Amino acid sequence: MTDNESLLITGGAGFIGSNFIIHILDKYKDINVINLDKLTYAGELSNLDPLQNNPNYRFVKGDICDSELVNNLFKVYKFSGVIHFAAESHVDNSIKNPDAFIKTNINGTFNLINTAKKHWMDAPFSFKKGLENNRFHHISTDEVYGSLDKTGLFTEKTPYAPNSPYSASKASSDFIVRSYFHTYGMNVVTTNCSNNYGPRQNNEKLIPTIIRKAINNEPIPIYGDGKNVRDWLYVDDHCIGIDLVFQKGKKGETYNIGGKNERENLYIANKICDILDKLRPKDKSYSNQIKFVKDRPGHDYRYAIDASKIENELGWQANENFETGIIKTIQWYLNKYQK
C-alpha cells in the first residue's frame, strides 16, 4: 500500500472486518481507513475500541445500498481500494428473513462496485489516469460451493451450488464482481473463506454460543447429530490472507482461504467443554450441558477448502491450528463475558 492511500472498508464493525482493520492499521502506518457499517445486530463498535485515538481511522454509519452516500464517500475520500466485508451472514436468519440477504448482499455489492467503476474508469478497460491500480476486493464464503460428502475439497474451480438464501445471495454477489472484471476490465479479486473463529465474533455464532451457554449453565444446542463438518480458520490468519491477496493477488482471480482444520460440530463443543473444565472447573463437566436440537433446514453436511492456490502463488500459510486457536478464543470470550 502507498502512503496516504484511502481505503473504503465495508462492514468493518463486524467480526472479520474489525479484526482486519486493526491488523492493517497496525501494519501500515500511512494509510487511511474509512469504515462504512450500518451497525446491524452483527456490527459492534466496541470491536474497534483499540482504534479510538488513531488519526488514520474514520467510522461512517451507513448502508452500502445507499447510492448517494456511497457516491459522496468516493468523491470526498478518493478511494484507491475497496475491501468489501459487509454482508448479512447468518444462515438461520436467511431462512427466516431472506429479503435482507438479497438486498444487502446482492444490491449492496452492485451499488459499491458500480460506484467504484464510475469513479475509477472512463470506459470499459480504460482507467482514469493514475487510477490503474485501484482495486475492489470482494470477501465471500465457501458456502457458495454447496456441500461436500466425506471426501473431496472445494477449489477455485468447484461449480457453485448454494443451498441457503444466504449462500445464494453471496454466490450472486461473487458473479456480479466477476462480471465487472470480464465486461469492464475492473481490477477485482475475490476471496472465499472457510468458517472463521476468534475474538470479536457475534454472540450468535457456534463457538461464542457454546462458550456463553456453557458458563451460564444453559443447554448447549447442537444441530442434528453434531456430525456436520466445517473447516475452521482463525480470524488473524484470514486477515493476513486478505492483505496478501489485496496486495499481490492476480487481477480477476479468486483465492480460497481455508484452515485445513476440519472438525465435527460435536467435537468443537466437547473440545470447548474440556478446555473450560480446566480453566473454570465446576462439580460436573460442561459437556453434560450439550443437547441435540432439531436440525436446520438444508443444513450442509461438510465444507472443506483446498488453499493450495494462495499457498503456492502468494506464500500464505495458516499459523494457528484449531487446538491452539480455540484456547486463545476461549480466553478472549471468558474475559468478555465476565466483565
C-alpha atoms as a PDB file:
ATOM      1  CA  MET A   1       0.000   0.000   0.000  1.00  0.00           C
ATOM      2  CA  THR A   2       1.209   3.521  -0.739  1.00  0.00           C
ATOM      3  CA  ASP A   3       1.456   6.405   1.721  1.00  0.00           C
ATOM      4  CA  ASN A   4      -1.753   8.326   2.436  1.00  0.00           C
ATOM      5  CA  GLU A   5      -3.803   5.864   0.438  1.00  0.00           C
ATOM      6  CA  SER A   6      -7.500   5.875   1.386  1.00  0.00           C
ATOM      7  CA  LEU A   7      -9.308   2.563   1.639  1.00  0.00           C
ATOM      8  CA  LEU A   8     -13.040   2.003   1.954  1.00  0.00           C
ATOM      9  CA  ILE A   9     -13.738  -0.994   4.162  1.00  0.00           C
ATOM     10  CA  THR A  10     -17.385  -2.003   4.378  1.00  0.00           C
ATOM     11  CA  GLY A  11     -18.767  -3.943   7.310  1.00  0.00           C
ATOM     12  CA  GLY A  12     -15.721  -3.067   9.381  1.00  0.00           C
ATOM     13  CA  ALA A  13     -17.597  -3.180  12.694  1.00  0.00           C
ATOM     14  CA  GLY A  14     -18.334  -6.858  12.167  1.00  0.00           C
ATOM     15  CA  PHE A  15     -16.262  -9.853  13.180  1.00  0.00           C
ATOM     16  CA  ILE A  16     -13.749 -10.292  10.350  1.00  0.00           C
ATOM     17  CA  GLY A  17     -13.850  -6.652   9.224  1.00  0.00           C
ATOM     18  CA  SER A  18     -12.912  -5.251  12.637  1.00  0.00           C
ATOM     19  CA  ASN A  19     -10.050  -7.719  13.052  1.00  0.00           C
ATOM     20  CA  PHE A  20      -8.840  -6.797   9.561  1.00  0.00           C
ATOM     21  CA  ILE A  21      -8.924  -3.029  10.162  1.00  0.00           C
ATOM     22  CA  ILE A  22      -6.942  -3.443  13.390  1.00  0.00           C
ATOM     23  CA  HIS A  23      -4.473  -5.671  11.515  1.00  0.00           C
ATOM     24  CA  ILE A  24      -3.789  -3.297   8.626  1.00  0.00           C
ATOM     25  CA  LEU A  25      -3.667  -0.095  10.663  1.00  0.00           C
ATOM     26  CA  ASP A  26      -1.102  -1.773  12.888  1.00  0.00           C
ATOM     27  CA  LYS A  27       0.911  -2.932   9.867  1.00  0.00           C
ATOM     28  CA  TYR A  28       0.651   0.136   7.595  1.00  0.00           C
ATOM     29  CA  LYS A  29       1.139   3.449   9.381  1.00  0.00           C
ATOM     30  CA  ASP A  30       0.406   5.804   6.472  1.00  0.00           C
ATOM     31  CA  ILE A  31      -2.918   4.637   5.080  1.00  0.00           C
ATOM     32  CA  ASN A  32      -6.363   5.996   5.886  1.00  0.00           C
ATOM     33  CA  VAL A  33      -9.287   3.656   6.517  1.00  0.00           C
ATOM     34  CA  ILE A  34     -12.907   4.720   6.206  1.00  0.00           C
ATOM     35  CA  ASN A  35     -15.161   2.090   7.745  1.00  0.00           C
ATOM     36  CA  LEU A  36     -18.733   2.113   6.369  1.00  0.00           C
ATOM     37  CA  ASP A  37     -21.048  -0.008   8.502  1.00  0.00           C
ATOM     38  CA  LYS A  38     -24.803   0.011   9.024  1.00  0.00           C
ATOM     39  CA  LEU A  39     -24.417  -1.373  12.574  1.00  0.00           C
ATOM     40  CA  THR A  40     -26.993  -4.135  12.291  1.00  0.00           C
ATOM     41  CA  TYR A  41     -27.091  -6.772  15.060  1.00  0.00           C
ATOM     42  CA  ALA A  42     -23.728  -8.141  13.797  1.00  0.00           C
ATOM     43  CA  GLY A  43     -21.881  -4.808  13.910  1.00  0.00           C
ATOM     44  CA  GLU A  44     -20.320  -3.790  17.216  1.00  0.00           C
ATOM     45  CA  LEU A  45     -18.450  -0.502  17.512  1.00  0.00           C
ATOM     46  CA  SER A  46     -16.668  -1.710  20.656  1.00  0.00           C
ATOM     47  CA  ASN A  47     -14.806  -4.147  18.353  1.00  0.00           C
ATOM     48  CA  LEU A  48     -12.836  -1.098  17.228  1.00  0.00           C
ATOM     49  CA  ASP A  49     -12.047   0.375  20.651  1.00  0.00           C
ATOM     50  CA  PRO A  50      -8.290  -0.169  20.065  1.00  0.00           C
ATOM     51  CA  LEU A  51      -8.502   2.466  17.276  1.00  0.00           C
ATOM     52  CA  GLN A  52     -10.192   5.238  19.267  1.00  0.00           C
ATOM     53  CA  ASN A  53      -7.158   7.520  19.087  1.00  0.00           C
ATOM     54  CA  ASN A  54      -5.901   6.507  15.656  1.00  0.00           C
ATOM     55  CA  PRO A  55      -5.940   9.552  13.326  1.00  0.00           C
ATOM     56  CA  ASN A  56      -5.923   7.287  10.248  1.00  0.00           C
ATOM     57  CA  TYR A  57      -9.279   5.694  11.082  1.00  0.00           C
ATOM     58  CA  ARG A  58     -12.762   7.088  10.485  1.00  0.00           C
ATOM     59  CA  PHE A  59     -16.152   5.450  11.027  1.00  0.00           C
ATOM     60  CA  VAL A  60     -19.194   6.276   8.892  1.00  0.00           C
ATOM     61  CA  LYS A  61     -22.569   4.819   9.835  1.00  0.00           C
ATOM     62  CA  GLY A  62     -24.488   3.976   6.686  1.00  0.00           C
ATOM     63  CA  ASP A  63     -25.890   1.409   4.297  1.00  0.00           C
ATOM     64  CA  ILE A  64     -23.943   0.068   1.300  1.00  0.00           C
ATOM     65  CA  CYS A  65     -27.261   0.180  -0.607  1.00  0.00           C
ATOM     66  CA  ASP A  66     -27.439   3.977  -0.195  1.00  0.00           C
ATOM     67  CA  SER A  67     -26.095   5.076  -3.579  1.00  0.00           C
ATOM     68  CA  GLU A  68     -25.951   8.792  -2.701  1.00  0.00           C
ATOM     69  CA  LEU A  69     -23.939   8.141   0.465  1.00  0.00           C
ATOM     70  CA  VAL A  70     -21.523   5.743  -1.255  1.00  0.00           C
ATOM     71  CA  ASN A  71     -21.042   8.142  -4.165  1.00  0.00           C
ATOM     72  CA  ASN A  72     -20.305  11.037  -1.791  1.00  0.00           C
ATOM     73  CA  LEU A  73     -17.753   8.965   0.121  1.00  0.00           C
ATOM     74  CA  PHE A  74     -15.926   8.188  -3.141  1.00  0.00           C
ATOM     75  CA  LYS A  75     -15.987  11.904  -4.040  1.00  0.00           C
ATOM     76  CA  VAL A  76     -14.624  13.059  -0.686  1.00  0.00           C
ATOM     77  CA  TYR A  77     -12.038  10.358   0.033  1.00  0.00           C
ATOM     78  CA  LYS A  78     -10.947   9.379  -3.495  1.00  0.00           C
ATOM     79  CA  PHE A  79     -10.563   5.735  -2.510  1.00  0.00           C
ATOM     80  CA  SER A  80      -7.840   3.747  -4.219  1.00  0.00           C
ATOM     81  CA  GLY A  81      -9.233   0.471  -2.891  1.00  0.00           C
ATOM     82  CA  VAL A  82     -12.389  -1.140  -1.554  1.00  0.00           C
ATOM     83  CA  ILE A  83     -12.356  -4.200   0.696  1.00  0.00           C
ATOM     84  CA  HIS A  84     -15.950  -5.350   0.900  1.00  0.00           C
ATOM     85  CA  PHE A  85     -16.888  -7.355   4.015  1.00  0.00           C
ATOM     86  CA  ALA A  86     -20.404  -6.018   4.570  1.00  0.00           C
ATOM     87  CA  ALA A  87     -22.956  -8.822   4.319  1.00  0.00           C
ATOM     88  CA  GLU A  88     -25.850 -10.450   6.058  1.00  0.00           C
ATOM     89  CA  SER A  89     -24.243 -13.736   7.022  1.00  0.00           C
ATOM     90  CA  HIS A  90     -26.210 -15.904   9.448  1.00  0.00           C
ATOM     91  CA  VAL A  91     -27.790 -18.915   7.703  1.00  0.00           C
ATOM     92  CA  ASP A  92     -30.617 -19.294  10.242  1.00  0.00           C
ATOM     93  CA  ASN A  93     -31.582 -15.646   9.723  1.00  0.00           C
ATOM     94  CA  SER A  94     -31.549 -16.106   5.947  1.00  0.00           C
ATOM     95  CA  ILE A  95     -34.056 -18.948   6.286  1.00  0.00           C
ATOM     96  CA  LYS A  96     -36.423 -16.764   8.351  1.00  0.00           C
ATOM     97  CA  ASN A  97     -35.845 -13.451   6.554  1.00  0.00           C
ATOM     98  CA  PRO A  98     -34.271 -13.868   3.100  1.00  0.00           C
ATOM     99  CA  ASP A  99     -35.265 -10.353   1.925  1.00  0.00           C
ATOM    100  CA  ALA A 100     -32.484  -8.620   3.884  1.00  0.00           C
ATOM    101  CA  PHE A 101     -29.901 -11.005   2.378  1.00  0.00           C
ATOM    102  CA  ILE A 102     -30.973 -10.283  -1.188  1.00  0.00           C
ATOM    103  CA  LYS A 103     -30.986  -6.537  -0.564  1.00  0.00           C
ATOM    104  CA  THR A 104     -27.643  -6.205   1.234  1.00  0.00           C
ATOM    105  CA  ASN A 105     -25.580  -8.961  -0.345  1.00  0.00           C
ATOM    106  CA  ILE A 106     -26.705  -8.529  -3.958  1.00  0.00           C
ATOM    107  CA  ASN A 107     -27.953  -4.948  -4.344  1.00  0.00           C
ATOM    108  CA  GLY A 108     -25.365  -3.572  -1.910  1.00  0.00           C
ATOM    109  CA  THR A 109     -22.459  -5.247  -3.695  1.00  0.00           C
ATOM    110  CA  PHE A 110     -23.749  -3.993  -7.052  1.00  0.00           C
ATOM    111  CA  ASN A 111     -24.044  -0.434  -5.719  1.00  0.00           C
ATOM    112  CA  LEU A 112     -20.482  -0.484  -4.362  1.00  0.00           C
ATOM    113  CA  ILE A 113     -18.749  -1.906  -7.407  1.00  0.00           C
ATOM    114  CA  ASN A 114     -20.789   0.167  -9.846  1.00  0.00           C
ATOM    115  CA  THR A 115     -19.920   3.354  -7.937  1.00  0.00           C
ATOM    116  CA  ALA A 116     -16.248   2.347  -7.896  1.00  0.00           C
ATOM    117  CA  LYS A 117     -16.365   1.815 -11.668  1.00  0.00           C
ATOM    118  CA  LYS A 118     -17.846   5.281 -12.229  1.00  0.00           C
ATOM    119  CA  HIS A 119     -15.133   6.936 -10.143  1.00  0.00           C
ATOM    120  CA  TRP A 120     -12.194   4.887 -11.390  1.00  0.00           C
ATOM    121  CA  MET A 121     -12.914   4.321 -15.100  1.00  0.00           C
ATOM    122  CA  ASP A 122     -13.727   6.390 -18.170  1.00  0.00           C
ATOM    123  CA  ALA A 123     -14.946   3.452 -20.247  1.00  0.00           C
ATOM    124  CA  PRO A 124     -14.654  -0.355 -20.308  1.00  0.00           C
ATOM    125  CA  PHE A 125     -10.968  -1.321 -19.960  1.00  0.00           C
ATOM    126  CA  SER A 126      -9.995   2.359 -19.686  1.00  0.00           C
ATOM    127  CA  PHE A 127      -8.971   3.626 -16.235  1.00  0.00           C
ATOM    128  CA  LYS A 128      -8.757   7.288 -15.318  1.00  0.00           C
ATOM    129  CA  LYS A 129      -5.172   8.497 -15.262  1.00  0.00           C
ATOM    130  CA  GLY A 130      -3.306   7.366 -12.161  1.00  0.00           C
ATOM    131  CA  LEU A 131      -6.090   5.026 -11.036  1.00  0.00           C
ATOM    132  CA  GLU A 132      -4.946   1.939 -12.976  1.00  0.00           C
ATOM    133  CA  ASN A 133      -4.044   0.071  -9.778  1.00  0.00           C
ATOM    134  CA  ASN A 134      -7.249   0.826  -7.859  1.00  0.00           C
ATOM    135  CA  ARG A 135      -8.667  -2.474  -6.669  1.00  0.00           C
ATOM    136  CA  PHE A 136     -12.015  -3.892  -5.491  1.00  0.00           C
ATOM    137  CA  HIS A 137     -11.599  -6.868  -3.139  1.00  0.00           C
ATOM    138  CA  HIS A 138     -14.764  -8.878  -2.506  1.00  0.00           C
ATOM    139  CA  ILE A 139     -14.922 -11.092   0.605  1.00  0.00           C
ATOM    140  CA  SER A 140     -17.013 -14.224   0.132  1.00  0.00           C
ATOM    141  CA  THR A 141     -17.555 -17.658   1.654  1.00  0.00           C
ATOM    142  CA  ASP A 142     -17.025 -21.348   0.927  1.00  0.00           C
ATOM    143  CA  GLU A 143     -20.777 -21.862   1.324  1.00  0.00           C
ATOM    144  CA  VAL A 144     -21.311 -20.802  -2.312  1.00  0.00           C
ATOM    145  CA  TYR A 145     -19.904 -24.195  -3.346  1.00  0.00           C
ATOM    146  CA  GLY A 146     -22.654 -26.174  -1.614  1.00  0.00           C
ATOM    147  CA  SER A 147     -21.996 -29.283   0.429  1.00  0.00           C
ATOM    148  CA  LEU A 148     -19.314 -31.984   0.300  1.00  0.00           C
ATOM    149  CA  ASP A 149     -19.600 -35.672   1.140  1.00  0.00           C
ATOM    150  CA  LYS A 150     -16.983 -37.312   3.363  1.00  0.00           C
ATOM    151  CA  THR A 151     -14.166 -36.756   0.853  1.00  0.00           C
ATOM    152  CA  GLY A 152     -13.022 -34.004  -1.518  1.00  0.00           C
ATOM    153  CA  LEU A 153     -12.205 -30.313  -1.135  1.00  0.00           C
ATOM    154  CA  PHE A 154     -13.545 -27.061  -2.564  1.00  0.00           C
ATOM    155  CA  THR A 155     -11.170 -25.488  -5.074  1.00  0.00           C
ATOM    156  CA  GLU A 156     -11.490 -22.241  -7.016  1.00  0.00           C
ATOM    157  CA  LYS A 157     -12.826 -24.341  -9.910  1.00  0.00           C
ATOM    158  CA  THR A 158     -15.611 -26.050  -7.925  1.00  0.00           C
ATOM    159  CA  PRO A 159     -19.005 -25.310  -9.527  1.00  0.00           C
ATOM    160  CA  TYR A 160     -21.271 -23.102  -7.436  1.00  0.00           C
ATOM    161  CA  ALA A 161     -24.184 -24.914  -5.764  1.00  0.00           C
ATOM    162  CA  PRO A 162     -25.516 -22.692  -2.941  1.00  0.00           C
ATOM    163  CA  ASN A 163     -28.144 -24.303  -0.712  1.00  0.00           C
ATOM    164  CA  SER A 164     -29.428 -21.479   1.521  1.00  0.00           C
ATOM    165  CA  PRO A 165     -30.732 -17.971   0.799  1.00  0.00           C
ATOM    166  CA  TYR A 166     -27.523 -16.711   2.444  1.00  0.00           C
ATOM    167  CA  SER A 167     -25.145 -18.680   0.235  1.00  0.00           C
ATOM    168  CA  ALA A 168     -27.277 -17.979  -2.857  1.00  0.00           C
ATOM    169  CA  SER A 169     -27.045 -14.247  -2.201  1.00  0.00           C
ATOM    170  CA  LYS A 170     -23.268 -14.478  -1.716  1.00  0.00           C
ATOM    171  CA  ALA A 171     -22.934 -16.509  -4.924  1.00  0.00           C
ATOM    172  CA  SER A 172     -24.870 -13.793  -6.758  1.00  0.00           C
ATOM    173  CA  SER A 173     -22.558 -11.103  -5.406  1.00  0.00           C
ATOM    174  CA  ASP A 174     -19.497 -13.132  -6.472  1.00  0.00           C
ATOM    175  CA  PHE A 175     -20.869 -13.297 -10.011  1.00  0.00           C
ATOM    176  CA  ILE A 176     -21.568  -9.550 -10.094  1.00  0.00           C
ATOM    177  CA  VAL A 177     -17.936  -8.858  -9.135  1.00  0.00           C
ATOM    178  CA  ARG A 178     -16.698 -11.390 -11.718  1.00  0.00           C
ATOM    179  CA  SER A 179     -18.800  -9.721 -14.422  1.00  0.00           C
ATOM    180  CA  TYR A 180     -17.229  -6.311 -13.736  1.00  0.00           C
ATOM    181  CA  PHE A 181     -13.825  -7.822 -14.437  1.00  0.00           C
ATOM    182  CA  HIS A 182     -14.839  -9.546 -17.666  1.00  0.00           C
ATOM    183  CA  THR A 183     -17.141  -6.803 -19.009  1.00  0.00           C
ATOM    184  CA  TYR A 184     -15.380  -3.641 -17.858  1.00  0.00           C
ATOM    185  CA  GLY A 185     -11.833  -4.764 -17.078  1.00  0.00           C
ATOM    186  CA  MET A 186     -12.090  -3.668 -13.443  1.00  0.00           C
ATOM    187  CA  ASN A 187      -9.278  -4.658 -11.128  1.00  0.00           C
ATOM    188  CA  VAL A 188     -11.125  -7.102  -8.857  1.00  0.00           C
ATOM    189  CA  VAL A 189     -10.158 -10.017  -6.628  1.00  0.00           C
ATOM    190  CA  THR A 190     -12.399 -12.337  -4.611  1.00  0.00           C
ATOM    191  CA  THR A 191     -11.567 -14.457  -1.589  1.00  0.00           C
ATOM    192  CA  ASN A 192     -13.767 -17.330  -0.415  1.00  0.00           C
ATOM    193  CA  CYS A 193     -13.030 -18.407   3.146  1.00  0.00           C
ATOM    194  CA  SER A 194     -13.944 -21.279   5.402  1.00  0.00           C
ATOM    195  CA  ASN A 195     -15.582 -20.850   8.830  1.00  0.00           C
ATOM    196  CA  ASN A 196     -13.773 -18.179  10.843  1.00  0.00           C
ATOM    197  CA  TYR A 197     -13.424 -18.156  14.607  1.00  0.00           C
ATOM    198  CA  GLY A 198     -11.619 -15.976  17.117  1.00  0.00           C
ATOM    199  CA  PRO A 199     -12.082 -12.677  19.005  1.00  0.00           C
ATOM    200  CA  ARG A 200     -14.926 -10.247  18.217  1.00  0.00           C
ATOM    201  CA  GLN A 201     -17.300 -12.788  16.630  1.00  0.00           C
ATOM    202  CA  ASN A 202     -21.024 -12.155  17.036  1.00  0.00           C
ATOM    203  CA  ASN A 203     -22.537 -13.927  20.051  1.00  0.00           C
ATOM    204  CA  GLU A 204     -24.998 -15.941  17.943  1.00  0.00           C
ATOM    205  CA  LYS A 205     -22.325 -17.930  16.065  1.00  0.00           C
ATOM    206  CA  LEU A 206     -21.471 -21.502  17.019  1.00  0.00           C
ATOM    207  CA  ILE A 207     -18.276 -21.079  19.069  1.00  0.00           C
ATOM    208  CA  PRO A 208     -19.331 -17.979  21.069  1.00  0.00           C
ATOM    209  CA  THR A 209     -22.712 -19.648  21.697  1.00  0.00           C
ATOM    210  CA  ILE A 210     -21.068 -22.797  23.083  1.00  0.00           C
ATOM    211  CA  ILE A 211     -18.807 -20.741  25.394  1.00  0.00           C
ATOM    212  CA  ARG A 212     -21.613 -18.430  26.541  1.00  0.00           C
ATOM    213  CA  LYS A 213     -24.136 -21.201  27.193  1.00  0.00           C
ATOM    214  CA  ALA A 214     -21.535 -23.307  28.992  1.00  0.00           C
ATOM    215  CA  ILE A 215     -20.504 -20.657  31.509  1.00  0.00           C
ATOM    216  CA  ASN A 216     -24.152 -19.595  32.054  1.00  0.00           C
ATOM    217  CA  ASN A 217     -25.106 -23.205  32.911  1.00  0.00           C
ATOM    218  CA  GLU A 218     -27.547 -23.333  29.992  1.00  0.00           C
ATOM    219  CA  PRO A 219     -28.105 -26.170  27.475  1.00  0.00           C
ATOM    220  CA  ILE A 220     -25.505 -26.074  24.682  1.00  0.00           C
ATOM    221  CA  PRO A 221     -27.524 -26.598  21.465  1.00  0.00           C
ATOM    222  CA  ILE A 222     -26.035 -28.790  18.716  1.00  0.00           C
ATOM    223  CA  TYR A 223     -27.955 -29.307  15.466  1.00  0.00           C
ATOM    224  CA  GLY A 224     -28.947 -32.837  14.407  1.00  0.00           C
ATOM    225  CA  ASP A 225     -26.392 -35.463  15.382  1.00  0.00           C
ATOM    226  CA  GLY A 226     -23.490 -32.984  15.573  1.00  0.00           C
ATOM    227  CA  LYS A 227     -21.628 -34.710  12.746  1.00  0.00           C
ATOM    228  CA  ASN A 228     -21.668 -31.732  10.331  1.00  0.00           C
ATOM    229  CA  VAL A 229     -18.079 -30.874   9.431  1.00  0.00           C
ATOM    230  CA  ARG A 230     -16.564 -27.418   8.941  1.00  0.00           C
ATOM    231  CA  ASP A 231     -13.045 -26.275   8.072  1.00  0.00           C
ATOM    232  CA  TRP A 232     -12.044 -23.756  10.761  1.00  0.00           C
ATOM    233  CA  LEU A 233      -9.840 -20.733  10.076  1.00  0.00           C
ATOM    234  CA  TYR A 234      -8.505 -18.493  12.843  1.00  0.00           C
ATOM    235  CA  VAL A 235      -9.505 -14.914  12.035  1.00  0.00           C
ATOM    236  CA  ASP A 236      -5.962 -13.472  12.249  1.00  0.00           C
ATOM    237  CA  ASP A 237      -4.789 -16.000   9.637  1.00  0.00           C
ATOM    238  CA  HIS A 238      -7.689 -14.926   7.415  1.00  0.00           C
ATOM    239  CA  CYS A 239      -6.738 -11.240   7.806  1.00  0.00           C
ATOM    240  CA  ILE A 240      -3.164 -11.980   6.725  1.00  0.00           C
ATOM    241  CA  GLY A 241      -4.531 -13.829   3.679  1.00  0.00           C
ATOM    242  CA  ILE A 242      -6.855 -10.970   2.713  1.00  0.00           C
ATOM    243  CA  ASP A 243      -3.986  -8.489   2.972  1.00  0.00           C
ATOM    244  CA  LEU A 244      -1.811 -10.703   0.736  1.00  0.00           C
ATOM    245  CA  VAL A 245      -4.499 -11.092  -1.921  1.00  0.00           C
ATOM    246  CA  PHE A 246      -5.317  -7.370  -1.891  1.00  0.00           C
ATOM    247  CA  GLN A 247      -1.617  -6.521  -2.353  1.00  0.00           C
ATOM    248  CA  LYS A 248      -0.426  -9.294  -4.644  1.00  0.00           C
ATOM    249  CA  GLY A 249      -3.355 -11.327  -5.941  1.00  0.00           C
ATOM    250  CA  LYS A 250      -3.757 -11.579  -9.697  1.00  0.00           C
ATOM    251  CA  LYS A 251      -6.421  -9.329 -11.204  1.00  0.00           C
ATOM    252  CA  GLY A 252      -9.750 -11.121 -11.818  1.00  0.00           C
ATOM    253  CA  GLU A 253      -8.772 -14.174  -9.758  1.00  0.00           C
ATOM    254  CA  THR A 254     -10.421 -15.948  -6.853  1.00  0.00           C
ATOM    255  CA  TYR A 255      -8.423 -17.307  -3.907  1.00  0.00           C
ATOM    256  CA  ASN A 256      -9.796 -19.808  -1.397  1.00  0.00           C
ATOM    257  CA  ILE A 257      -8.554 -19.304   2.177  1.00  0.00           C
ATOM    258  CA  GLY A 258      -9.009 -22.303   4.463  1.00  0.00           C
ATOM    259  CA  GLY A 259      -7.517 -23.505   7.695  1.00  0.00           C
ATOM    260  CA  LYS A 260      -7.106 -27.253   6.972  1.00  0.00           C
ATOM    261  CA  ASN A 261      -8.815 -27.781  10.310  1.00  0.00           C
ATOM    262  CA  GLU A 262     -11.861 -29.948   9.632  1.00  0.00           C
ATOM    263  CA  ARG A 263     -13.815 -30.652  12.798  1.00  0.00           C
ATOM    264  CA  GLU A 264     -17.290 -32.025  13.535  1.00  0.00           C
ATOM    265  CA  ASN A 265     -19.592 -29.659  15.417  1.00  0.00           C
ATOM    266  CA  LEU A 266     -19.855 -32.148  18.287  1.00  0.00           C
ATOM    267  CA  TYR A 267     -16.052 -32.306  18.544  1.00  0.00           C
ATOM    268  CA  ILE A 268     -15.973 -28.490  18.753  1.00  0.00           C
ATOM    269  CA  ALA A 269     -18.494 -28.491  21.607  1.00  0.00           C
ATOM    270  CA  ASN A 270     -16.663 -31.226  23.527  1.00  0.00           C
ATOM    271  CA  LYS A 271     -13.260 -29.574  22.982  1.00  0.00           C
ATOM    272  CA  ILE A 272     -14.517 -26.245  24.337  1.00  0.00           C
ATOM    273  CA  CYS A 273     -16.079 -28.028  27.330  1.00  0.00           C
ATOM    274  CA  ASP A 274     -12.794 -29.864  28.022  1.00  0.00           C
ATOM    275  CA  ILE A 275     -10.843 -26.586  27.994  1.00  0.00           C
ATOM    276  CA  LEU A 276     -13.437 -24.881  30.229  1.00  0.00           C
ATOM    277  CA  ASP A 277     -13.234 -27.838  32.631  1.00  0.00           C
ATOM    278  CA  LYS A 278      -9.554 -26.927  33.109  1.00  0.00           C
ATOM    279  CA  LEU A 279      -9.884 -23.116  33.043  1.00  0.00           C
ATOM    280  CA  ARG A 280     -13.095 -22.817  35.090  1.00  0.00           C
ATOM    281  CA  PRO A 281     -13.722 -26.180  36.778  1.00  0.00           C
ATOM    282  CA  LYS A 282     -17.049 -26.939  38.433  1.00  0.00           C
ATOM    283  CA  ASP A 283     -18.597 -30.033  40.019  1.00  0.00           C
ATOM    284  CA  LYS A 284     -19.636 -31.600  36.672  1.00  0.00           C
ATOM    285  CA  SER A 285     -18.127 -31.384  33.195  1.00  0.00           C
ATOM    286  CA  TYR A 286     -19.552 -28.670  30.946  1.00  0.00           C
ATOM    287  CA  SER A 287     -20.120 -31.416  28.352  1.00  0.00           C
ATOM    288  CA  ASN A 288     -23.167 -32.538  30.369  1.00  0.00           C
ATOM    289  CA  GLN A 289     -24.899 -29.388  29.083  1.00  0.00           C
ATOM    290  CA  ILE A 290     -24.660 -30.463  25.411  1.00  0.00           C
ATOM    291  CA  LYS A 291     -28.155 -31.018  23.987  1.00  0.00           C
ATOM    292  CA  PHE A 292     -29.066 -32.075  20.462  1.00  0.00           C
ATOM    293  CA  VAL A 293     -31.741 -29.954  18.772  1.00  0.00           C
ATOM    294  CA  LYS A 294     -33.730 -30.330  15.553  1.00  0.00           C
ATOM    295  CA  ASP A 295     -31.503 -29.853  12.519  1.00  0.00           C
ATOM    296  CA  ARG A 296     -31.784 -26.682  10.465  1.00  0.00           C
ATOM    297  CA  PRO A 297     -33.459 -26.965   7.020  1.00  0.00           C
ATOM    298  CA  GLY A 298     -30.979 -27.663   4.198  1.00  0.00           C
ATOM    299  CA  HIS A 299     -28.053 -27.998   6.620  1.00  0.00           C
ATOM    300  CA  ASP A 300     -24.924 -28.651   4.510  1.00  0.00           C
ATOM    301  CA  TYR A 301     -23.041 -31.734   5.675  1.00  0.00           C
ATOM    302  CA  ARG A 302     -19.415 -30.736   5.121  1.00  0.00           C
ATOM    303  CA  TYR A 303     -17.278 -27.823   3.927  1.00  0.00           C
ATOM    304  CA  ALA A 304     -13.528 -28.059   3.361  1.00  0.00           C
ATOM    305  CA  ILE A 305     -11.197 -25.832   1.362  1.00  0.00           C
ATOM    306  CA  ASP A 306      -8.143 -26.583  -0.722  1.00  0.00           C
ATOM    307  CA  ALA A 307      -5.987 -23.492  -0.039  1.00  0.00           C
ATOM    308  CA  SER A 308      -3.073 -24.599  -2.226  1.00  0.00           C
ATOM    309  CA  LYS A 309      -3.536 -21.748  -4.735  1.00  0.00           C
ATOM    310  CA  ILE A 310      -2.973 -18.957  -2.181  1.00  0.00           C
ATOM    311  CA  GLU A 311      -0.217 -21.020  -0.538  1.00  0.00           C
ATOM    312  CA  ASN A 312       1.653 -21.656  -3.784  1.00  0.00           C
ATOM    313  CA  GLU A 313       1.099 -18.307  -5.539  1.00  0.00           C
ATOM    314  CA  LEU A 314       1.287 -15.903  -2.593  1.00  0.00           C
ATOM    315  CA  GLY A 315       3.103 -17.879   0.106  1.00  0.00           C
ATOM    316  CA  TRP A 316       0.256 -17.794   2.648  1.00  0.00           C
ATOM    317  CA  GLN A 317       0.138 -20.334   5.493  1.00  0.00           C
ATOM    318  CA  ALA A 318      -2.214 -20.609   8.455  1.00  0.00           C
ATOM    319  CA  ASN A 319      -0.279 -20.021  11.686  1.00  0.00           C
ATOM    320  CA  GLU A 320      -2.899 -21.490  14.008  1.00  0.00           C
ATOM    321  CA  ASN A 321      -4.318 -24.976  14.099  1.00  0.00           C
ATOM    322  CA  PHE A 322      -7.706 -25.415  15.738  1.00  0.00           C
ATOM    323  CA  GLU A 323      -6.316 -26.636  19.038  1.00  0.00           C
ATOM    324  CA  THR A 324      -4.084 -23.549  19.503  1.00  0.00           C
ATOM    325  CA  GLY A 325      -6.582 -21.028  18.132  1.00  0.00           C
ATOM    326  CA  ILE A 326      -9.502 -22.252  20.236  1.00  0.00           C
ATOM    327  CA  ILE A 327      -7.613 -21.701  23.511  1.00  0.00           C
ATOM    328  CA  LYS A 328      -6.923 -18.056  22.553  1.00  0.00           C
ATOM    329  CA  THR A 329     -10.563 -17.699  21.512  1.00  0.00           C
ATOM    330  CA  ILE A 330     -11.995 -19.111  24.746  1.00  0.00           C
ATOM    331  CA  GLN A 331      -9.756 -16.883  26.852  1.00  0.00           C
ATOM    332  CA  TRP A 332     -10.913 -13.800  24.915  1.00  0.00           C
ATOM    333  CA  TYR A 333     -14.620 -14.666  25.394  1.00  0.00           C
ATOM    334  CA  LEU A 334     -14.200 -15.507  29.075  1.00  0.00           C
ATOM    335  CA  ASN A 335     -12.734 -12.040  29.509  1.00  0.00           C
ATOM    336  CA  LYS A 336     -15.635 -10.508  27.540  1.00  0.00           C
ATOM    337  CA  TYR A 337     -18.455 -12.398  29.258  1.00  0.00           C
ATOM    338  CA  GLN A 338     -17.051 -11.958  32.765  1.00  0.00           C
ATOM    339  CA  LYS A 339     -16.809  -8.158  32.537  1.00  0.00           C
END
